[in-house]
């Protein structure tokens, strides 16, 4: 599985809205996804919306 990250995701399809994103407790604008530190405003080709 290849993750293709982009630093600016489409509205509603950002890392912050993704099921795989784990925000950092001290800074929810940054987090971890698939073992990489990412920005909450980014996105990638593996996007899965969070469960409501």
Protein backbone atom coordinates (compact mmCIF):
# COMPACT_ATOMS: atom_id res chain seq x y z
CA UNK A 1 0.00 0.00 0.00
CA UNK A 2 1.47 3.33 -1.09
CA UNK A 3 0.27 6.45 0.70
CA UNK A 4 0.37 9.58 -1.45
CA UNK A 5 0.13 12.53 0.94
CA UNK A 6 -0.72 16.09 -0.08
CA UNK A 7 -0.34 19.01 2.38
CA UNK A 8 -3.72 20.56 1.45
CA UNK A 9 -6.80 18.34 1.27
CA UNK A 10 -10.21 19.09 -0.19
CA UNK A 11 -12.83 20.43 2.26
CA UNK A 12 -14.30 17.53 4.24
CA UNK A 13 -11.58 15.14 3.02
CA UNK A 14 -8.66 16.23 5.18
CA UNK A 15 -6.57 14.16 7.56
CA UNK A 16 -8.53 15.68 10.47
CA UNK A 17 -11.70 14.11 9.01
CA UNK A 18 -10.09 10.71 8.35
CA UNK A 19 -10.57 7.52 10.35
CA UNK A 20 -6.81 6.74 10.21
CA UNK A 21 -5.71 10.10 11.66
CA UNK A 22 -4.69 10.28 15.33
CA UNK A 23 -4.29 13.89 16.50
CA UNK A 24 -1.54 14.78 18.94
CA UNK A 25 -2.98 15.55 22.41
CA UNK A 26 -1.07 18.85 22.68
CA UNK A 27 -1.70 19.98 19.07
CA UNK A 28 -4.74 18.55 17.23
CA UNK A 29 -3.59 20.31 14.01
CA UNK A 30 -0.83 17.70 13.75
CA UNK A 31 -1.05 13.98 14.15
CA UNK A 32 -0.01 10.54 13.02
CA UNK A 33 -1.25 8.46 10.11
CA UNK A 34 0.20 5.19 8.86
CA UNK A 35 3.33 5.83 10.94
CA UNK A 36 3.97 9.33 9.57
CA UNK A 37 3.53 12.73 11.18
CA UNK A 38 1.05 14.72 9.11
CA UNK A 39 -0.83 18.02 9.20
CA UNK A 40 -4.56 17.90 9.95
CA UNK A 41 -5.24 20.00 6.84
CA UNK A 42 -3.53 17.50 4.52
CA UNK A 43 -5.01 14.45 2.80
CA UNK A 44 -3.97 11.28 1.00
CA UNK A 45 -5.18 8.59 -1.37
CA UNK A 46 -6.15 6.30 1.55
CA UNK A 47 -8.78 8.73 2.98
CA UNK A 48 -11.63 7.05 4.89
CA UNK A 49 -14.23 9.31 6.56
CA UNK A 50 -14.48 9.05 10.35
CA UNK A 51 -17.35 7.02 11.72
CA UNK A 52 -20.14 9.36 12.75
